[in-house]
């Protein structure tokens, strides 16, 4: 709670509050004169105050997120945060959910995705075209998922039918959209990739989930995850998941390009 109090105190110091005017003369003048006419107030002040309140709500949601899943209400042992994602280490993991197909959204193409997203898709170089392109509108700005089957440079293990899953969204618009829950035996390491903050998660079973805009954890989408690299790329949060090493994940993250600017895949 100390971190929450610090952030709220700092936010209060950054808000612009108008000077309080002398109210008594104005009140007397209104009582003596004709009824006041409606006043059109500028939208900017209300918008700034709404944004400030939204930021406060985001901070409160993040502070309460660990208690949102009943099986994970024990103390958080470690917390790592990026714009758009959190990683929480707990003493006891929840029971594994039943295995289900990935719900990645509506299938489309990269040109089709560009028309619906509030950002330019980033594609890993050297892997060719993704086997599936999907978009979801549940998060502000949209979410892009690129699915790759196992191929040279990616896992060919029989235990997985997916070589790489790349997910991208505007982390600046939904600071806590995705989350991971890891146990004591899972590696969760902070690092930087080309100057951007990143978190690498590997090893023992760990869980992945989404949060709704109001902060509710969508338990229906809680699932086990493979090794994951979360990395910030400007306003984007990029998530790379697959059965690969940290070094391979970092190389994939560094190869991300906007295909329209050259250097992209295929």
C-alpha atoms as a PDB file:
ATOM      1  CA  UNK A   1       0.000   0.000   0.000  1.00  0.00           C
ATOM      2  CA  UNK A   2       2.970   2.317   0.465  1.00  0.00           C
ATOM      3  CA  UNK A   3       3.575   2.303  -3.295  1.00  0.00           C
ATOM      4  CA  UNK A   4      -0.083   3.150  -3.967  1.00  0.00           C
ATOM      5  CA  UNK A   5       0.018   6.026  -1.489  1.00  0.00           C
ATOM      6  CA  UNK A   6       3.205   7.354  -3.071  1.00  0.00           C
ATOM      7  CA  UNK A   7       1.704   7.314  -6.584  1.00  0.00           C
ATOM      8  CA  UNK A   8      -1.510   9.016  -5.458  1.00  0.00           C
ATOM      9  CA  UNK A   9       0.448  11.693  -3.586  1.00  0.00           C
ATOM     10  CA  UNK A  10       2.607  12.322  -6.651  1.00  0.00           C
ATOM     11  CA  UNK A  11      -0.464  12.514  -8.885  1.00  0.00           C
ATOM     12  CA  UNK A  12      -2.030  15.123  -6.633  1.00  0.00           C
ATOM     13  CA  UNK A  13       1.007  17.342  -7.025  1.00  0.00           C
ATOM     14  CA  UNK A  14       0.778  17.193 -10.844  1.00  0.00           C
ATOM     15  CA  UNK A  15      -2.856  18.334 -11.167  1.00  0.00           C
ATOM     16  CA  UNK A  16      -3.592  21.962 -12.022  1.00  0.00           C
ATOM     17  CA  UNK A  17      -6.219  23.378  -9.655  1.00  0.00           C
ATOM     18  CA  UNK A  18      -7.536  26.922 -10.252  1.00  0.00           C
ATOM     19  CA  UNK A  19      -7.090  29.554  -7.566  1.00  0.00           C
ATOM     20  CA  UNK A  20     -10.097  29.823  -5.268  1.00  0.00           C
ATOM     21  CA  UNK A  21     -11.876  33.159  -5.984  1.00  0.00           C
ATOM     22  CA  UNK A  22     -13.573  35.426  -3.458  1.00  0.00           C
ATOM     23  CA  UNK A  23     -17.124  34.042  -3.497  1.00  0.00           C
ATOM     24  CA  UNK A  24     -19.127  36.458  -1.318  1.00  0.00           C
ATOM     25  CA  UNK A  25     -19.328  39.474  -3.766  1.00  0.00           C
ATOM     26  CA  UNK A  26     -20.486  37.241  -6.617  1.00  0.00           C
ATOM     27  CA  UNK A  27     -23.152  35.592  -4.488  1.00  0.00           C
ATOM     28  CA  UNK A  28     -24.546  38.963  -3.346  1.00  0.00           C
ATOM     29  CA  UNK A  29     -24.610  40.257  -6.933  1.00  0.00           C
ATOM     30  CA  UNK A  30     -26.506  37.205  -8.149  1.00  0.00           C
ATOM     31  CA  UNK A  31     -29.073  37.519  -5.382  1.00  0.00           C
ATOM     32  CA  UNK A  32     -29.701  41.151  -6.321  1.00  0.00           C
ATOM     33  CA  UNK A  33     -29.805  40.647 -10.091  1.00  0.00           C
ATOM     34  CA  UNK A  34     -31.824  38.619 -12.634  1.00  0.00           C
ATOM     35  CA  UNK A  35     -31.663  34.810 -12.673  1.00  0.00           C
ATOM     36  CA  UNK A  36     -28.305  33.588 -13.987  1.00  0.00           C
ATOM     37  CA  UNK A  37     -28.036  32.238 -17.538  1.00  0.00           C
ATOM     38  CA  UNK A  38     -26.585  28.799 -18.223  1.00  0.00           C
ATOM     39  CA  UNK A  39     -22.819  28.884 -18.657  1.00  0.00           C
ATOM     40  CA  UNK A  40     -21.043  26.682 -21.194  1.00  0.00           C
ATOM     41  CA  UNK A  41     -17.951  25.327 -19.517  1.00  0.00           C
ATOM     42  CA  UNK A  42     -14.882  24.395 -21.590  1.00  0.00           C
ATOM     43  CA  UNK A  43     -14.417  20.691 -22.093  1.00  0.00           C
ATOM     44  CA  UNK A  44     -10.669  20.706 -21.499  1.00  0.00           C
ATOM     45  CA  UNK A  45     -10.840  21.073 -17.728  1.00  0.00           C
ATOM     46  CA  UNK A  46     -13.363  18.269 -17.405  1.00  0.00           C
ATOM     47  CA  UNK A  47     -11.343  16.068 -19.721  1.00  0.00           C
ATOM     48  CA  UNK A  48      -8.145  16.589 -17.722  1.00  0.00           C
ATOM     49  CA  UNK A  49      -9.958  15.807 -14.496  1.00  0.00           C
ATOM     50  CA  UNK A  50     -11.505  12.671 -16.072  1.00  0.00           C
ATOM     51  CA  UNK A  51      -8.074  11.488 -17.215  1.00  0.00           C
ATOM     52  CA  UNK A  52      -6.689  12.075 -13.733  1.00  0.00           C
ATOM     53  CA  UNK A  53      -9.507  10.074 -12.170  1.00  0.00           C
ATOM     54  CA  UNK A  54      -8.930   7.291 -14.709  1.00  0.00           C
ATOM     55  CA  UNK A  55      -5.268   7.160 -13.733  1.00  0.00           C
ATOM     56  CA  UNK A  56      -6.176   6.929 -10.049  1.00  0.00           C
ATOM     57  CA  UNK A  57      -8.599   4.097 -10.842  1.00  0.00           C
ATOM     58  CA  UNK A  58      -5.887   2.250 -12.782  1.00  0.00           C
ATOM     59  CA  UNK A  59      -3.508   2.458  -9.825  1.00  0.00           C
ATOM     60  CA  UNK A  60      -6.158   1.176  -7.432  1.00  0.00           C
ATOM     61  CA  UNK A  61      -7.033  -1.685  -9.794  1.00  0.00           C
ATOM     62  CA  UNK A  62      -3.385  -2.713 -10.062  1.00  0.00           C
ATOM     63  CA  UNK A  63      -3.010  -2.696  -6.287  1.00  0.00           C
ATOM     64  CA  UNK A  64      -6.033  -4.977  -5.859  1.00  0.00           C
ATOM     65  CA  UNK A  65      -5.372  -7.320  -8.794  1.00  0.00           C
ATOM     66  CA  UNK A  66      -3.701 -10.058  -6.766  1.00  0.00           C
ATOM     67  CA  UNK A  67      -6.887 -10.536  -4.755  1.00  0.00           C
ATOM     68  CA  UNK A  68      -9.095 -10.813  -7.822  1.00  0.00           C
ATOM     69  CA  UNK A  69      -8.490 -14.539  -8.316  1.00  0.00           C
ATOM     70  CA  UNK A  70      -9.717 -16.462  -5.252  1.00  0.00           C
ATOM     71  CA  UNK A  71      -6.934 -19.060  -5.478  1.00  0.00           C
ATOM     72  CA  UNK A  72      -4.228 -16.388  -5.499  1.00  0.00           C
ATOM     73  CA  UNK A  73      -5.180 -14.327  -2.452  1.00  0.00           C
ATOM     74  CA  UNK A  74      -2.048 -15.296  -0.557  1.00  0.00           C
ATOM     75  CA  UNK A  75       0.666 -12.653  -0.240  1.00  0.00           C
ATOM     76  CA  UNK A  76       2.376 -11.524  -3.423  1.00  0.00           C
ATOM     77  CA  UNK A  77       6.053 -12.332  -3.015  1.00  0.00           C
ATOM     78  CA  UNK A  78       7.259 -10.269  -5.977  1.00  0.00           C
ATOM     79  CA  UNK A  79       5.665  -7.853  -8.435  1.00  0.00           C
ATOM     80  CA  UNK A  80       7.082  -6.783 -11.805  1.00  0.00           C
ATOM     81  CA  UNK A  81       5.249  -4.270 -13.958  1.00  0.00           C
ATOM     82  CA  UNK A  82       5.452  -2.946 -17.508  1.00  0.00           C
ATOM     83  CA  UNK A  83       3.058  -0.709 -19.409  1.00  0.00           C
ATOM     84  CA  UNK A  84       0.287  -3.134 -20.231  1.00  0.00           C
ATOM     85  CA  UNK A  85       1.380  -6.145 -18.168  1.00  0.00           C
ATOM     86  CA  UNK A  86       2.117  -7.347 -14.660  1.00  0.00           C
ATOM     87  CA  UNK A  87       3.995 -10.377 -13.356  1.00  0.00           C
ATOM     88  CA  UNK A  88       3.131 -11.491  -9.826  1.00  0.00           C
ATOM     89  CA  UNK A  89       4.995 -14.169  -7.891  1.00  0.00           C
ATOM     90  CA  UNK A  90       2.923 -15.975  -5.288  1.00  0.00           C
ATOM     91  CA  UNK A  91       3.595 -18.738  -2.787  1.00  0.00           C
ATOM     92  CA  UNK A  92       0.876 -21.042  -4.142  1.00  0.00           C
ATOM     93  CA  UNK A  93      -0.395 -21.282  -7.722  1.00  0.00           C
ATOM     94  CA  UNK A  94      -4.079 -21.855  -8.512  1.00  0.00           C
ATOM     95  CA  UNK A  95      -5.244 -25.226  -9.811  1.00  0.00           C
ATOM     96  CA  UNK A  96      -4.483 -25.681 -13.521  1.00  0.00           C
ATOM     97  CA  UNK A  97      -7.509 -24.764 -15.646  1.00  0.00           C
ATOM     98  CA  UNK A  98      -8.848 -27.252 -18.219  1.00  0.00           C
ATOM     99  CA  UNK A  99      -7.014 -27.141 -21.527  1.00  0.00           C
ATOM    100  CA  UNK A 100      -8.963 -25.248 -24.173  1.00  0.00           C
ATOM    101  CA  UNK A 101      -8.279 -23.800 -27.649  1.00  0.00           C
ATOM    102  CA  UNK A 102      -6.702 -20.359 -27.731  1.00  0.00           C
ATOM    103  CA  UNK A 103      -9.233 -17.563 -28.223  1.00  0.00           C
ATOM    104  CA  UNK A 104      -7.265 -15.077 -30.307  1.00  0.00           C
ATOM    105  CA  UNK A 105     -10.166 -13.190 -31.871  1.00  0.00           C
ATOM    106  CA  UNK A 106     -11.237 -12.649 -35.454  1.00  0.00           C
ATOM    107  CA  UNK A 107      -8.978 -14.010 -38.179  1.00  0.00           C
ATOM    108  CA  UNK A 108      -7.781 -11.492 -40.752  1.00  0.00           C
ATOM    109  CA  UNK A 109      -4.684 -10.463 -42.722  1.00  0.00           C
ATOM    110  CA  UNK A 110      -1.914  -8.005 -41.905  1.00  0.00           C
ATOM    111  CA  UNK A 111      -3.372  -5.357 -44.286  1.00  0.00           C
ATOM    112  CA  UNK A 112      -6.794  -5.954 -42.757  1.00  0.00           C
ATOM    113  CA  UNK A 113      -5.378  -5.664 -39.233  1.00  0.00           C
ATOM    114  CA  UNK A 114      -3.728  -2.335 -40.037  1.00  0.00           C
ATOM    115  CA  UNK A 115      -7.121  -0.871 -40.916  1.00  0.00           C
ATOM    116  CA  UNK A 116      -8.551  -1.763 -37.496  1.00  0.00           C
ATOM    117  CA  UNK A 117      -5.650  -1.181 -35.119  1.00  0.00           C
ATOM    118  CA  UNK A 118      -4.491   2.084 -33.551  1.00  0.00           C
ATOM    119  CA  UNK A 119      -0.846   1.149 -34.197  1.00  0.00           C
ATOM    120  CA  UNK A 120       1.383  -0.344 -36.867  1.00  0.00           C
ATOM    121  CA  UNK A 121       1.834  -4.128 -36.507  1.00  0.00           C
ATOM    122  CA  UNK A 122       5.349  -5.348 -35.780  1.00  0.00           C
ATOM    123  CA  UNK A 123       6.376  -8.632 -37.417  1.00  0.00           C
ATOM    124  CA  UNK A 124       9.415 -10.795 -36.534  1.00  0.00           C
ATOM    125  CA  UNK A 125      11.960 -10.947 -39.339  1.00  0.00           C
ATOM    126  CA  UNK A 126      13.226 -14.173 -40.872  1.00  0.00           C
ATOM    127  CA  UNK A 127      10.215 -16.375 -40.109  1.00  0.00           C
ATOM    128  CA  UNK A 128       8.156 -15.797 -43.212  1.00  0.00           C
ATOM    129  CA  UNK A 129       4.461 -15.029 -43.082  1.00  0.00           C
ATOM    130  CA  UNK A 130       2.566 -15.856 -39.893  1.00  0.00           C
ATOM    131  CA  UNK A 131       0.255 -18.856 -40.126  1.00  0.00           C
ATOM    132  CA  UNK A 132      -2.536 -16.859 -38.544  1.00  0.00           C
ATOM    133  CA  UNK A 133      -3.320 -13.158 -38.003  1.00  0.00           C
ATOM    134  CA  UNK A 134      -6.006 -12.286 -35.465  1.00  0.00           C
ATOM    135  CA  UNK A 135      -7.429  -9.108 -33.952  1.00  0.00           C
ATOM    136  CA  UNK A 136      -9.625  -8.362 -30.947  1.00  0.00           C
ATOM    137  CA  UNK A 137     -11.280  -5.064 -30.073  1.00  0.00           C
ATOM    138  CA  UNK A 138     -11.622  -5.716 -26.355  1.00  0.00           C
ATOM    139  CA  UNK A 139      -8.707  -3.429 -25.478  1.00  0.00           C
ATOM    140  CA  UNK A 140      -8.450   0.272 -26.507  1.00  0.00           C
ATOM    141  CA  UNK A 141      -6.553   0.483 -29.798  1.00  0.00           C
ATOM    142  CA  UNK A 142      -7.134  -3.211 -30.529  1.00  0.00           C
ATOM    143  CA  UNK A 143      -5.023  -6.318 -29.935  1.00  0.00           C
ATOM    144  CA  UNK A 144      -3.043  -8.151 -32.623  1.00  0.00           C
ATOM    145  CA  UNK A 145      -1.974 -11.804 -32.409  1.00  0.00           C
ATOM    146  CA  UNK A 146       0.406 -13.500 -34.853  1.00  0.00           C
ATOM    147  CA  UNK A 147       0.570 -17.305 -34.685  1.00  0.00           C
ATOM    148  CA  UNK A 148       3.473 -19.335 -36.105  1.00  0.00           C
ATOM    149  CA  UNK A 149       3.641 -23.113 -36.308  1.00  0.00           C
ATOM    150  CA  UNK A 150       6.970 -24.799 -35.379  1.00  0.00           C
ATOM    151  CA  UNK A 151       9.606 -24.194 -38.056  1.00  0.00           C
ATOM    152  CA  UNK A 152      13.392 -23.741 -38.297  1.00  0.00           C
ATOM    153  CA  UNK A 153      14.432 -21.403 -35.512  1.00  0.00           C
ATOM    154  CA  UNK A 154      11.362 -22.261 -33.439  1.00  0.00           C
ATOM    155  CA  UNK A 155      10.449 -25.256 -31.312  1.00  0.00           C
ATOM    156  CA  UNK A 156       9.680 -28.504 -33.128  1.00  0.00           C
ATOM    157  CA  UNK A 157       8.750 -30.350 -29.944  1.00  0.00           C
ATOM    158  CA  UNK A 158       5.830 -32.756 -30.314  1.00  0.00           C
ATOM    159  CA  UNK A 159       4.357 -31.373 -27.087  1.00  0.00           C
ATOM    160  CA  UNK A 160       3.365 -28.120 -28.762  1.00  0.00           C
ATOM    161  CA  UNK A 161       1.596 -27.304 -32.014  1.00  0.00           C
ATOM    162  CA  UNK A 162       2.531 -23.629 -31.704  1.00  0.00           C
ATOM    163  CA  UNK A 163       6.053 -22.421 -32.366  1.00  0.00           C
ATOM    164  CA  UNK A 164       5.508 -18.734 -31.548  1.00  0.00           C
ATOM    165  CA  UNK A 165       2.650 -16.502 -30.489  1.00  0.00           C
ATOM    166  CA  UNK A 166       3.211 -12.740 -30.765  1.00  0.00           C
ATOM    167  CA  UNK A 167       0.624 -10.434 -29.178  1.00  0.00           C
ATOM    168  CA  UNK A 168       0.678  -6.630 -29.438  1.00  0.00           C
ATOM    169  CA  UNK A 169      -1.489  -3.856 -28.021  1.00  0.00           C
ATOM    170  CA  UNK A 170      -1.282  -0.261 -26.793  1.00  0.00           C
ATOM    171  CA  UNK A 171       0.068  -0.707 -23.281  1.00  0.00           C
ATOM    172  CA  UNK A 172      -0.220   3.022 -22.659  1.00  0.00           C
ATOM    173  CA  UNK A 173      -4.026   2.806 -23.053  1.00  0.00           C
ATOM    174  CA  UNK A 174      -4.610  -0.210 -20.793  1.00  0.00           C
ATOM    175  CA  UNK A 175      -1.709  -0.419 -18.297  1.00  0.00           C
ATOM    176  CA  UNK A 176      -2.769  -3.749 -16.730  1.00  0.00           C
ATOM    177  CA  UNK A 177      -4.402  -5.614 -19.616  1.00  0.00           C
ATOM    178  CA  UNK A 178      -2.428  -8.872 -19.294  1.00  0.00           C
ATOM    179  CA  UNK A 179      -1.024 -10.569 -16.234  1.00  0.00           C
ATOM    180  CA  UNK A 180       1.096 -13.548 -15.297  1.00  0.00           C
ATOM    181  CA  UNK A 181       1.119 -15.512 -12.058  1.00  0.00           C
ATOM    182  CA  UNK A 182       4.311 -17.396 -11.277  1.00  0.00           C
ATOM    183  CA  UNK A 183       5.280 -19.686  -8.424  1.00  0.00           C
ATOM    184  CA  UNK A 184       8.534 -19.852  -6.429  1.00  0.00           C
ATOM    185  CA  UNK A 185      10.158 -22.245  -8.932  1.00  0.00           C
ATOM    186  CA  UNK A 186       9.525 -20.083 -12.014  1.00  0.00           C
ATOM    187  CA  UNK A 187      12.180 -17.685 -13.330  1.00  0.00           C
ATOM    188  CA  UNK A 188      10.913 -14.097 -13.659  1.00  0.00           C
ATOM    189  CA  UNK A 189      13.692 -11.710 -14.629  1.00  0.00           C
ATOM    190  CA  UNK A 190      13.686  -7.990 -15.444  1.00  0.00           C
ATOM    191  CA  UNK A 191      15.928  -6.913 -18.322  1.00  0.00           C
ATOM    192  CA  UNK A 192      16.132  -4.452 -21.190  1.00  0.00           C
ATOM    193  CA  UNK A 193      15.918  -5.145 -24.927  1.00  0.00           C
ATOM    194  CA  UNK A 194      17.318  -2.370 -27.113  1.00  0.00           C
ATOM    195  CA  UNK A 195      16.594   0.157 -24.366  1.00  0.00           C
ATOM    196  CA  UNK A 196      13.028  -1.034 -23.716  1.00  0.00           C
ATOM    197  CA  UNK A 197      11.993  -2.570 -20.411  1.00  0.00           C
ATOM    198  CA  UNK A 198      11.263  -6.293 -20.546  1.00  0.00           C
ATOM    199  CA  UNK A 199      10.439  -9.285 -18.342  1.00  0.00           C
ATOM    200  CA  UNK A 200      11.452 -12.865 -19.141  1.00  0.00           C
ATOM    201  CA  UNK A 201       9.431 -15.729 -17.615  1.00  0.00           C
ATOM    202  CA  UNK A 202      10.400 -19.397 -17.970  1.00  0.00           C
ATOM    203  CA  UNK A 203      10.573 -22.733 -16.218  1.00  0.00           C
ATOM    204  CA  UNK A 204       7.945 -24.214 -13.943  1.00  0.00           C
ATOM    205  CA  UNK A 205       4.243 -23.877 -14.864  1.00  0.00           C
ATOM    206  CA  UNK A 206       2.911 -20.348 -14.771  1.00  0.00           C
ATOM    207  CA  UNK A 207      -0.403 -18.760 -15.689  1.00  0.00           C
ATOM    208  CA  UNK A 208      -1.545 -16.096 -18.110  1.00  0.00           C
ATOM    209  CA  UNK A 209      -4.759 -14.074 -17.906  1.00  0.00           C
ATOM    210  CA  UNK A 210      -6.511 -10.935 -19.163  1.00  0.00           C
ATOM    211  CA  UNK A 211      -8.101  -8.097 -17.205  1.00  0.00           C
ATOM    212  CA  UNK A 212     -11.236  -6.279 -18.315  1.00  0.00           C
ATOM    213  CA  UNK A 213     -11.251  -2.481 -18.488  1.00  0.00           C
ATOM    214  CA  UNK A 214     -12.835  -2.308 -15.046  1.00  0.00           C
ATOM    215  CA  UNK A 215     -10.000  -4.379 -13.565  1.00  0.00           C
ATOM    216  CA  UNK A 216     -11.860  -7.702 -13.286  1.00  0.00           C
ATOM    217  CA  UNK A 217      -9.711 -10.730 -13.965  1.00  0.00           C
ATOM    218  CA  UNK A 218     -11.273 -12.794 -16.758  1.00  0.00           C
ATOM    219  CA  UNK A 219     -10.931 -16.174 -15.089  1.00  0.00           C
ATOM    220  CA  UNK A 220     -12.420 -17.930 -18.119  1.00  0.00           C
ATOM    221  CA  UNK A 221      -9.204 -17.106 -20.009  1.00  0.00           C
ATOM    222  CA  UNK A 222      -6.776 -18.144 -17.287  1.00  0.00           C
ATOM    223  CA  UNK A 223      -4.398 -20.670 -18.886  1.00  0.00           C
ATOM    224  CA  UNK A 224      -0.987 -22.262 -18.571  1.00  0.00           C
ATOM    225  CA  UNK A 225       1.700 -20.547 -20.634  1.00  0.00           C
ATOM    226  CA  UNK A 226       5.003 -21.476 -22.226  1.00  0.00           C
ATOM    227  CA  UNK A 227       8.141 -19.347 -21.862  1.00  0.00           C
ATOM    228  CA  UNK A 228       7.301 -15.679 -22.361  1.00  0.00           C
ATOM    229  CA  UNK A 229       9.140 -12.442 -23.084  1.00  0.00           C
ATOM    230  CA  UNK A 230       7.202  -9.234 -22.375  1.00  0.00           C
ATOM    231  CA  UNK A 231       8.848  -6.174 -23.897  1.00  0.00           C
ATOM    232  CA  UNK A 232       7.944  -2.514 -24.328  1.00  0.00           C
ATOM    233  CA  UNK A 233       8.327  -1.094 -27.827  1.00  0.00           C
ATOM    234  CA  UNK A 234       7.389   2.572 -27.581  1.00  0.00           C
ATOM    235  CA  UNK A 235       3.664   2.751 -26.789  1.00  0.00           C
ATOM    236  CA  UNK A 236       3.248  -0.975 -27.457  1.00  0.00           C
ATOM    237  CA  UNK A 237       3.495  -3.956 -25.152  1.00  0.00           C
ATOM    238  CA  UNK A 238       4.668  -6.995 -27.157  1.00  0.00           C
ATOM    239  CA  UNK A 239       4.328 -10.505 -25.762  1.00  0.00           C
ATOM    240  CA  UNK A 240       6.289 -13.402 -27.303  1.00  0.00           C
ATOM    241  CA  UNK A 241       5.376 -16.909 -26.135  1.00  0.00           C
ATOM    242  CA  UNK A 242       6.927 -20.208 -27.166  1.00  0.00           C
ATOM    243  CA  UNK A 243       9.122 -23.145 -26.178  1.00  0.00           C
ATOM    244  CA  UNK A 244      12.379 -21.275 -26.784  1.00  0.00           C
ATOM    245  CA  UNK A 245      15.288 -19.914 -24.766  1.00  0.00           C
ATOM    246  CA  UNK A 246      15.684 -16.388 -23.437  1.00  0.00           C
ATOM    247  CA  UNK A 247      18.407 -15.673 -26.009  1.00  0.00           C
ATOM    248  CA  UNK A 248      16.150 -16.768 -28.873  1.00  0.00           C
ATOM    249  CA  UNK A 249      13.258 -14.709 -27.502  1.00  0.00           C
ATOM    250  CA  UNK A 250      15.467 -11.608 -27.306  1.00  0.00           C
ATOM    251  CA  UNK A 251      16.621 -12.111 -30.909  1.00  0.00           C
ATOM    252  CA  UNK A 252      12.992 -12.388 -32.003  1.00  0.00           C
ATOM    253  CA  UNK A 253      12.091  -9.206 -30.116  1.00  0.00           C
ATOM    254  CA  UNK A 254      14.996  -7.334 -31.698  1.00  0.00           C
ATOM    255  CA  UNK A 255      13.882  -8.474 -35.159  1.00  0.00           C
ATOM    256  CA  UNK A 256      10.392  -6.952 -34.851  1.00  0.00           C
ATOM    257  CA  UNK A 257       9.767  -4.570 -37.742  1.00  0.00           C
ATOM    258  CA  UNK A 258       6.954  -2.688 -39.405  1.00  0.00           C
ATOM    259  CA  UNK A 259       6.874  -4.626 -42.686  1.00  0.00           C
ATOM    260  CA  UNK A 260       5.793  -1.563 -44.672  1.00  0.00           C
ATOM    261  CA  UNK A 261       9.072   0.165 -43.723  1.00  0.00           C
ATOM    262  CA  UNK A 262      11.232  -2.737 -44.886  1.00  0.00           C
ATOM    263  CA  UNK A 263      13.127  -5.398 -42.984  1.00  0.00           C
ATOM    264  CA  UNK A 264       9.964  -7.341 -42.133  1.00  0.00           C
ATOM    265  CA  UNK A 265       9.256 -11.019 -42.461  1.00  0.00           C
ATOM    266  CA  UNK A 266       8.693 -12.708 -45.794  1.00  0.00           C
END
